[in-house]
Amino acid sequence: MSEQTQELTTVLQDIVISDSVAVVTGGASGIGKGIVGALLRHGAKVVIADIEQSAIDETVAEMSAHGDVTGIRTDITDEASVKALADAVYERHGKVNLLYNNAGVTSGGGGKPWQQEPNDWRWCFGVNVFGTAICTSEFVPRMIEGGHPGQVVNTSSGDGGFAPVPTASVYAASKAAVSCFTEALHHNLESEGTQLRASVFYPAGGLQRTGLFTAQRNRPEHLQRVGEGTGRKSMSFDEMKALLERSGRDVKEADLDAQGDMVVNNTVARTYIITNDLRDTVDLLHRRADAIGRLEVPPHHGMPKRTGGRAGLPGVGEPGRDARQPQIGHLRAGVVALPLENREGQQLEHSVDLVRRVDPTPEFSRVEIDPEAGEGAVVVLDERAERVDAVGIEAAAEQVT
């Protein structure tokens, strides 16, 4: 058997948290602290890497009763600092199983893309992207050489990882880079026959009480803004929460301990995408894919759905085209997979369950026979009873088969 064949047939060992050593960057507060607590509850040995020594000291003192936890002040944007971290961890523990690249910052208040200064890019990308890359380059080769089962978990964000918030363009771009990098990392770890895999973590489940809101406190002097800025300032978590509540929003605060447990459980399971409920995100991703297929600008977070149709129907893509003509090429597979036996004009409410097994977040709530669409044709309606798509049943069946 060739070496290449042996690599391809490598049996992936289970991750045993109670026998694992974990490094968590940005682990002294917020999301990272929630992960640290969960790791300790599951019996792992944990090393916190953070830029703030006072926060490290407080968290280590708080968490020490729950397990083996130490902290090392680390600047993840500096190669020498990260190397010193890795050297210290390997000297103390002899291995690393789990690397959580979690530390992150904003660009400093957001704003219009052309208002962001080069230093905003340097600061945000330096931590979010270069920091992740430097830690990966320093730890992963040692982890591979050690041969122990493990996982690299990179914290991204739905803002950029799935779709941008236009007023946070630099931050979103940095998190899009993290998501793309993590996917490439995973494929390479797998193809090289290692005992490691990668995951990308998207915090969700409510407003996150994290130091990200005030990350500017750690911004180096040489990366401070030199111009007029964007006209927006950073807000603390409490300021942001109060602002949202004053606007009438029902603000849910994420349970960071429960989120930490969710992250650790999915790390053990080697789940690639680690997050909470994805229903709204899946719907947005479908709409983004549809727009890309039409060579249009994809919708972003918070952008309302377009009404009046989907690709190939009046209101979207091709104005004036008859919505009653079959548009098979633009339909999702789940939409056209409708039963053929109901052709008498009655509602096909039960068809929705069939479709949802294919697409768990459809943009419609019921399926009906459309008497105006011709014999044996169906129309898909959204929750406002507005037309989404119409297609002939026989044509649909032929397309599916």
Protein backbone atom coordinates (compact mmCIF):
# COMPACT_ATOMS: atom_id res chain seq x y z
CA MET A 1 0.00 0.00 0.00
CA SER A 2 1.42 3.38 -1.00
CA GLU A 3 1.96 6.20 1.50
CA GLN A 4 -0.73 8.20 -0.27
CA THR A 5 -3.24 5.36 0.05
CA GLN A 6 -2.38 4.98 3.73
CA GLU A 7 -3.08 8.68 4.25
CA LEU A 8 -6.43 8.44 2.50
CA THR A 9 -7.47 5.48 4.68
CA THR A 10 -6.42 7.04 7.98
CA VAL A 11 -8.95 6.22 10.68
CA LEU A 12 -10.00 9.41 12.44
CA GLN A 13 -9.78 8.92 16.19
CA ASP A 14 -12.42 10.23 18.56
CA ILE A 15 -11.75 13.39 20.54
CA VAL A 16 -11.84 12.72 24.26
CA ILE A 17 -12.27 16.06 25.99
CA SER A 18 -11.17 14.77 29.40
CA ASP A 19 -7.83 13.81 27.83
CA SER A 20 -7.44 16.99 25.79
CA VAL A 21 -5.39 20.17 26.05
CA ALA A 22 -7.08 23.26 24.64
CA VAL A 23 -5.79 26.72 23.76
CA VAL A 24 -8.40 29.48 23.58
CA THR A 25 -7.40 32.88 22.21
CA GLY A 26 -9.49 35.74 23.53
CA GLY A 27 -10.44 33.35 26.31
CA ALA A 28 -10.41 35.79 29.21
CA SER A 29 -13.82 37.32 28.51
CA GLY A 30 -17.05 37.06 26.54
CA ILE A 31 -17.51 34.23 24.06
CA GLY A 32 -14.05 32.81 24.71
CA LYS A 33 -14.63 32.70 28.46
CA GLY A 34 -17.83 30.74 27.83
CA ILE A 35 -15.83 28.20 25.82
CA VAL A 36 -13.16 28.00 28.53
CA GLY A 37 -15.77 27.26 31.18
CA ALA A 38 -17.37 24.54 29.07
CA LEU A 39 -14.00 22.90 28.37
CA LEU A 40 -13.20 22.81 32.07
CA ARG A 41 -16.62 21.36 32.91
CA HIS A 42 -15.89 18.60 30.42
CA GLY A 43 -12.50 17.87 31.99
CA ALA A 44 -10.07 19.46 29.52
CA LYS A 45 -6.89 21.25 30.47
CA VAL A 46 -7.13 24.84 29.19
CA VAL A 47 -4.65 27.57 28.37
CA ILE A 48 -6.11 31.05 27.93
CA ALA A 49 -4.30 33.35 25.49
CA ASP A 50 -5.40 36.96 25.73
CA ILE A 51 -3.99 40.45 25.25
CA GLU A 52 -5.24 41.72 28.64
CA GLN A 53 -3.24 40.46 31.62
CA SER A 54 -5.76 41.74 34.18
CA ALA A 55 -8.60 39.87 32.45
CA ILE A 56 -6.47 36.71 32.32
CA ASP A 57 -5.74 36.92 36.04
CA GLU A 58 -9.40 37.43 36.93
CA THR A 59 -10.63 34.59 34.73
CA VAL A 60 -7.96 32.12 35.84
CA ALA A 61 -8.76 32.91 39.49
CA GLU A 62 -12.47 32.43 38.83
CA MET A 63 -12.10 29.23 36.81
CA SER A 64 -9.35 27.45 38.74
CA ALA A 65 -11.85 25.75 41.01
CA HIS A 66 -13.30 23.98 37.97
CA GLY A 67 -10.13 22.46 36.55
CA ASP A 68 -6.62 22.89 35.19
CA VAL A 69 -6.52 26.38 33.66
CA THR A 70 -3.62 28.74 33.08
CA GLY A 71 -3.24 31.98 31.17
CA ILE A 72 -0.52 33.54 29.04
CA ARG A 73 -0.60 37.11 27.78
CA THR A 74 -0.35 36.87 24.00
CA ASP A 75 -0.48 39.28 21.10
CA ILE A 76 -1.78 37.05 18.32
CA THR A 77 -0.75 39.58 15.67
CA ASP A 78 2.90 39.05 16.63
CA GLU A 79 4.65 35.86 15.50
CA ALA A 80 7.17 35.87 18.35
CA SER A 81 4.41 36.21 20.94
CA VAL A 82 2.45 33.31 19.47
CA LYS A 83 5.59 31.17 19.26
CA ALA A 84 6.28 31.87 22.92
CA LEU A 85 2.71 30.81 23.71
CA ALA A 86 3.08 27.53 21.82
CA ASP A 87 6.46 26.81 23.38
CA ALA A 88 5.03 27.35 26.86
CA VAL A 89 1.99 25.16 26.24
CA TYR A 90 4.03 22.29 24.83
CA GLU A 91 6.57 22.55 27.63
CA ARG A 92 3.82 22.30 30.24
CA HIS A 93 1.41 19.86 28.59
CA GLY A 94 3.35 18.12 25.82
CA LYS A 95 0.51 18.40 23.32
CA VAL A 96 -2.41 20.47 22.04
CA ASN A 97 -5.63 18.81 20.88
CA LEU A 98 -7.93 21.77 20.50
CA LEU A 99 -7.12 25.21 19.14
CA TYR A 100 -9.86 27.83 19.41
CA ASN A 101 -8.92 30.87 17.31
CA ASN A 102 -11.51 33.07 18.96
CA ALA A 103 -9.95 36.49 19.59
CA GLY A 104 -11.49 39.23 17.48
CA VAL A 105 -12.01 42.97 17.14
CA THR A 106 -14.13 45.38 15.14
CA SER A 107 -12.74 48.08 12.88
CA GLY A 108 -13.85 50.73 15.36
CA GLY A 109 -17.45 51.83 14.89
CA GLY A 110 -18.26 50.84 11.33
CA GLY A 111 -19.53 53.40 8.85
CA LYS A 112 -19.39 53.81 5.11
CA PRO A 113 -16.73 51.70 3.38
CA TRP A 114 -14.95 54.73 1.92
CA GLN A 115 -14.73 56.31 5.37
CA GLN A 116 -12.71 53.43 6.79
CA GLU A 117 -9.03 54.30 7.07
CA PRO A 118 -6.15 52.01 6.18
CA ASN A 119 -5.45 51.66 9.90
CA ASP A 120 -8.99 50.34 10.40
CA TRP A 121 -8.16 47.59 7.92
CA ARG A 122 -4.77 46.91 9.49
CA TRP A 123 -6.22 46.72 12.98
CA CYS A 124 -9.24 44.55 12.15
CA PHE A 125 -7.52 42.21 9.71
CA GLY A 126 -4.42 42.08 11.90
CA VAL A 127 -6.36 40.44 14.73
CA ASN A 128 -9.20 38.63 12.97
CA VAL A 129 -7.36 37.30 9.93
CA PHE A 130 -3.61 37.49 10.54
CA GLY A 131 -4.09 36.45 14.16
CA THR A 132 -5.98 33.34 13.08
CA ALA A 133 -3.38 32.63 10.42
CA ILE A 134 -0.38 33.09 12.74
CA CYS A 135 -1.85 30.82 15.43
CA THR A 136 -2.71 28.22 12.81
CA SER A 137 0.80 28.33 11.32
CA GLU A 138 2.42 28.00 14.75
CA PHE A 139 0.20 25.35 16.32
CA VAL A 140 -1.12 23.14 13.52
CA PRO A 141 2.25 21.73 12.35
CA ARG A 142 3.02 20.74 15.94
CA MET A 143 -0.46 19.26 16.36
CA ILE A 144 -0.10 17.24 13.17
CA GLU A 145 3.33 15.98 14.22
CA GLY A 146 1.97 14.95 17.61
CA GLY A 147 -0.58 12.69 15.95
CA HIS A 148 -3.25 13.25 18.59
CA PRO A 149 -6.91 13.62 17.58
CA GLY A 150 -7.90 17.26 17.55
CA GLN A 151 -9.82 20.14 16.08
CA VAL A 152 -9.15 23.73 15.04
CA VAL A 153 -12.20 25.92 15.69
CA ASN A 154 -12.16 29.39 14.15
CA THR A 155 -14.68 31.98 15.32
CA SER A 156 -16.29 33.76 12.38
CA SER A 157 -19.52 35.75 12.29
CA GLY A 158 -22.78 35.67 10.38
CA ASP A 159 -21.81 39.23 9.45
CA GLY A 160 -19.43 38.38 6.64
CA GLY A 161 -19.37 34.62 7.08
CA PHE A 162 -22.85 34.36 5.57
CA ALA A 163 -23.66 37.85 4.31
CA PRO A 164 -22.48 41.36 5.11
CA VAL A 165 -23.98 44.11 7.17
CA PRO A 166 -23.12 47.03 4.85
CA THR A 167 -22.29 49.42 7.69
CA ALA A 168 -19.62 47.01 9.02
CA SER A 169 -17.82 46.31 5.76
CA VAL A 170 -14.29 45.89 7.12
CA TYR A 171 -15.33 43.59 9.95
CA ALA A 172 -17.55 41.60 7.59
CA ALA A 173 -14.71 41.22 5.09
CA SER A 174 -12.42 39.92 7.83
CA LYS A 175 -14.94 37.31 8.94
CA ALA A 176 -15.61 36.25 5.35
CA ALA A 177 -11.87 35.63 5.12
CA VAL A 178 -11.95 33.54 8.30
CA SER A 179 -14.78 31.38 6.93
CA CYS A 180 -13.03 30.84 3.61
CA PHE A 181 -9.70 30.08 5.29
CA THR A 182 -11.31 27.57 7.66
CA GLU A 183 -12.89 25.66 4.79
CA ALA A 184 -9.56 25.45 2.98
CA LEU A 185 -7.84 24.38 6.21
CA HIS A 186 -10.35 21.59 6.77
CA HIS A 187 -9.93 20.19 3.26
CA ASN A 188 -6.16 20.12 3.62
CA LEU A 189 -6.21 18.53 7.06
CA GLU A 190 -8.43 15.81 5.64
CA SER A 191 -6.55 15.25 2.37
CA GLU A 192 -3.22 15.01 4.22
CA GLY A 193 -4.52 12.15 6.35
CA THR A 194 -4.12 13.99 9.67
CA GLN A 195 -5.95 13.42 12.93
CA LEU A 196 -7.15 17.01 12.80
CA ARG A 197 -10.18 18.68 11.28
CA ALA A 198 -11.44 22.28 11.28
CA SER A 199 -14.70 23.89 12.29
CA VAL A 200 -16.06 27.39 11.83
CA PHE A 201 -18.07 28.83 14.71
CA TYR A 202 -20.81 31.40 14.18
CA PRO A 203 -21.96 32.87 17.52
CA ALA A 204 -25.75 33.12 17.61
CA GLY A 205 -28.72 32.90 19.92
CA GLY A 206 -28.93 36.53 20.98
CA LEU A 207 -26.84 39.62 21.62
CA GLN A 208 -23.39 38.52 22.76
CA ARG A 209 -22.03 40.13 25.94
CA THR A 210 -18.48 40.39 24.71
CA GLY A 211 -15.54 42.77 24.79
CA LEU A 212 -15.83 43.09 21.02
CA PHE A 213 -17.99 46.18 21.52
CA THR A 214 -15.14 47.98 23.27
CA ALA A 215 -12.20 46.35 21.51
CA GLN A 216 -10.76 49.80 20.83
CA ARG A 217 -9.35 49.77 24.36
CA ASN A 218 -6.64 47.41 23.09
CA ARG A 219 -5.96 49.15 19.77
CA PRO A 220 -2.23 49.94 19.46
CA GLU A 221 -1.17 53.55 19.22
CA HIS A 222 0.40 53.11 15.79
CA LEU A 223 -2.92 51.79 14.43
CA GLN A 224 -5.12 54.60 15.73
CA ARG A 225 -7.16 56.60 13.26
CA VAL A 226 -5.47 59.68 11.87
CA GLY A 227 -8.40 61.22 9.96
CA GLU A 228 -11.89 62.40 10.83
CA GLY A 229 -13.20 58.88 11.22
CA THR A 230 -16.57 57.53 10.13
CA GLY A 231 -18.76 59.65 12.38
CA ARG A 232 -19.69 56.57 14.41
CA LYS A 233 -18.28 55.52 17.74
CA SER A 234 -17.96 52.17 19.42
CA MET A 235 -20.56 51.30 22.03
CA SER A 236 -20.37 49.01 25.03
CA PHE A 237 -22.62 45.98 25.21
CA ASP A 238 -24.97 47.74 27.61
CA GLU A 239 -25.14 50.83 25.41
CA MET A 240 -25.94 48.73 22.36
CA LYS A 241 -28.59 46.75 24.24
CA ALA A 242 -30.22 49.94 25.54
CA LEU A 243 -30.21 51.49 22.07
CA LEU A 244 -31.94 48.45 20.58
CA GLU A 245 -34.51 48.37 23.37
CA ARG A 246 -35.30 52.07 22.89
CA SER A 247 -35.96 51.34 19.23
CA GLY A 248 -38.64 48.85 20.25
CA ARG A 249 -36.62 45.70 19.73
CA ASP A 250 -37.09 42.74 22.06
CA VAL A 251 -33.42 42.09 22.83
CA LYS A 252 -32.43 38.58 23.84
CA GLU A 253 -29.05 38.21 25.50
CA ALA A 254 -27.14 35.06 24.58
CA ASP A 255 -26.35 32.57 27.34
CA LEU A 256 -22.58 32.37 26.91
CA ASP A 257 -22.22 29.33 29.20
CA ALA A 258 -24.82 27.37 27.24
CA GLN A 259 -23.21 28.53 24.00
CA GLY A 260 -19.84 27.32 25.28
CA ASP A 261 -21.30 23.89 25.99
CA MET A 262 -22.78 23.83 22.49
CA VAL A 263 -19.39 24.69 20.99
CA VAL A 264 -17.55 21.99 22.96
CA ASN A 265 -20.15 19.32 22.19
CA ASN A 266 -19.92 20.11 18.49
CA THR A 267 -16.14 20.13 18.68
CA VAL A 268 -16.23 16.56 19.98
CA ALA A 269 -18.65 15.64 17.19
CA ARG A 270 -16.33 17.38 14.67
CA THR A 271 -19.27 19.36 13.31
CA TYR A 272 -17.96 21.66 10.59
CA ILE A 273 -20.39 24.56 11.08
CA ILE A 274 -20.97 25.23 14.76
CA THR A 275 -23.90 27.50 15.55
CA ASN A 276 -27.47 27.61 16.81
CA ASP A 277 -30.65 27.89 14.73
CA LEU A 278 -29.81 28.39 11.04
CA ARG A 279 -33.32 28.61 9.61
CA ASP A 280 -33.25 32.32 8.83
CA THR A 281 -29.67 32.07 7.58
CA VAL A 282 -30.46 29.18 5.24
CA ASP A 283 -33.31 31.23 3.77
CA LEU A 284 -30.97 34.18 3.26
CA LEU A 285 -28.34 31.96 1.64
CA HIS A 286 -30.93 30.58 -0.78
CA ARG A 287 -31.93 34.10 -1.73
CA ARG A 288 -28.29 35.09 -2.15
CA ALA A 289 -27.67 32.06 -4.38
CA ASP A 290 -30.72 32.90 -6.47
CA ALA A 291 -29.51 36.47 -6.93
CA ILE A 292 -26.02 35.32 -7.90
CA GLY A 293 -27.59 32.97 -10.44
CA ARG A 294 -29.30 36.01 -11.94
CA LEU A 295 -26.00 37.99 -11.89
CA GLU A 296 -27.52 40.40 -9.36
CA VAL A 297 -26.23 41.87 -6.12
CA PRO A 298 -27.09 39.36 -3.35
CA PRO A 299 -29.30 40.50 -0.45
CA HIS A 300 -27.57 41.34 2.81
CA HIS A 301 -28.52 40.87 6.47
CA GLY A 302 -31.71 42.75 7.27
CA MET A 303 -32.65 43.22 3.62
CA PRO A 304 -36.37 42.45 3.13
CA LYS A 305 -37.48 39.71 0.79
CA ARG A 306 -38.56 40.81 -2.65
CA THR A 307 -42.21 40.16 -3.38
CA GLY A 308 -44.02 39.35 -6.58
CA GLY A 309 -42.01 36.36 -7.65
CA ARG A 310 -38.68 34.66 -7.93
CA ALA A 311 -36.27 34.23 -10.79
CA GLY A 312 -38.04 34.29 -14.14
CA LEU A 313 -41.30 35.69 -12.71
CA PRO A 314 -42.72 39.22 -12.86
CA GLY A 315 -41.11 41.40 -10.23
CA VAL A 316 -37.78 39.58 -10.29
CA GLY A 317 -35.25 39.02 -13.04
CA GLU A 318 -37.30 39.13 -16.22
CA PRO A 319 -40.06 41.82 -16.19
CA GLY A 320 -43.26 41.00 -17.97
CA ARG A 321 -42.65 37.29 -18.32
CA ASP A 322 -45.78 35.21 -17.82
CA ALA A 323 -45.65 33.69 -14.33
CA ARG A 324 -47.92 30.87 -15.47
CA GLN A 325 -45.31 29.43 -17.79
CA PRO A 326 -43.13 26.70 -16.31
CA GLN A 327 -39.81 28.04 -15.05
CA ILE A 328 -38.20 24.75 -14.05
CA GLY A 329 -34.64 25.94 -14.36
CA HIS A 330 -35.12 28.54 -11.63
CA LEU A 331 -36.92 26.35 -9.10
CA ARG A 332 -35.42 24.57 -6.13
CA ALA A 333 -35.59 20.79 -6.33
CA GLY A 334 -37.81 20.72 -3.25
CA VAL A 335 -40.36 23.02 -4.84
CA VAL A 336 -40.90 20.91 -7.92
CA ALA A 337 -41.02 17.60 -6.02
CA LEU A 338 -44.81 17.73 -5.66
CA PRO A 339 -47.27 14.81 -5.74
CA LEU A 340 -48.88 14.11 -9.10
CA GLU A 341 -52.18 12.63 -8.02
CA ASN A 342 -53.96 15.79 -6.79
CA ARG A 343 -55.37 17.59 -9.83
CA GLU A 344 -58.90 18.51 -8.83
CA GLY A 345 -58.32 22.07 -7.61
CA GLN A 346 -58.11 21.31 -3.90
CA GLN A 347 -55.42 22.77 -1.65
CA LEU A 348 -52.33 20.62 -1.28
CA GLU A 349 -51.42 21.62 2.27
CA HIS A 350 -49.76 18.26 2.93
CA SER A 351 -47.33 18.94 0.10
CA VAL A 352 -45.59 21.52 2.26
CA ASP A 353 -44.35 18.78 4.57
CA LEU A 354 -42.86 16.95 1.61
CA VAL A 355 -41.10 20.08 0.44
CA ARG A 356 -39.77 20.92 3.88
CA ARG A 357 -38.02 17.57 4.04
CA VAL A 358 -35.98 18.77 1.10
CA ASP A 359 -35.72 22.44 2.04
CA PRO A 360 -36.29 23.11 5.78
CA THR A 361 -36.81 26.85 5.29
CA PRO A 362 -39.04 27.38 2.27
CA GLU A 363 -40.21 30.85 1.28
CA PHE A 364 -43.81 29.70 1.12
CA SER A 365 -46.47 28.30 3.42
CA ARG A 366 -48.83 26.38 1.17
CA VAL A 367 -49.17 24.80 -2.24
CA GLU A 368 -52.38 24.97 -4.30
CA ILE A 369 -53.68 23.93 -7.66
CA ASP A 370 -53.83 27.06 -9.82
CA PRO A 371 -56.86 26.80 -12.14
CA GLU A 372 -55.54 29.67 -14.27
CA ALA A 373 -52.16 28.07 -14.77
CA GLY A 374 -53.51 25.27 -16.92
CA GLU A 375 -54.49 21.70 -16.31
CA GLY A 376 -52.23 19.80 -13.96
CA ALA A 377 -50.27 22.85 -12.84
CA VAL A 378 -49.46 24.00 -9.31
CA VAL A 379 -48.62 27.37 -7.83
CA VAL A 380 -46.49 27.88 -4.75
CA LEU A 381 -47.69 30.68 -2.45
CA ASP A 382 -45.80 32.42 0.30
CA GLU A 383 -47.18 33.24 3.75
CA ARG A 384 -48.88 36.39 2.40
CA ALA A 385 -50.63 34.31 -0.29
CA GLU A 386 -48.50 35.96 -2.96
CA ARG A 387 -47.34 33.97 -5.93
CA VAL A 388 -43.79 32.62 -5.74
CA ASP A 389 -43.66 30.07 -8.56
CA ALA A 390 -45.95 28.11 -10.86
CA VAL A 391 -45.03 24.98 -12.77
CA GLY A 392 -46.73 22.19 -14.65
CA ILE A 393 -46.85 18.97 -12.64
CA GLU A 394 -45.77 16.67 -15.48
CA ALA A 395 -42.94 19.01 -16.41
CA ALA A 396 -41.89 19.14 -12.79
CA ALA A 397 -41.91 15.37 -12.50
CA GLU A 398 -39.80 15.01 -15.63
CA GLN A 399 -37.31 17.56 -14.29
CA VAL A 400 -37.00 15.77 -10.93
CA THR A 401 -36.59 12.33 -12.44
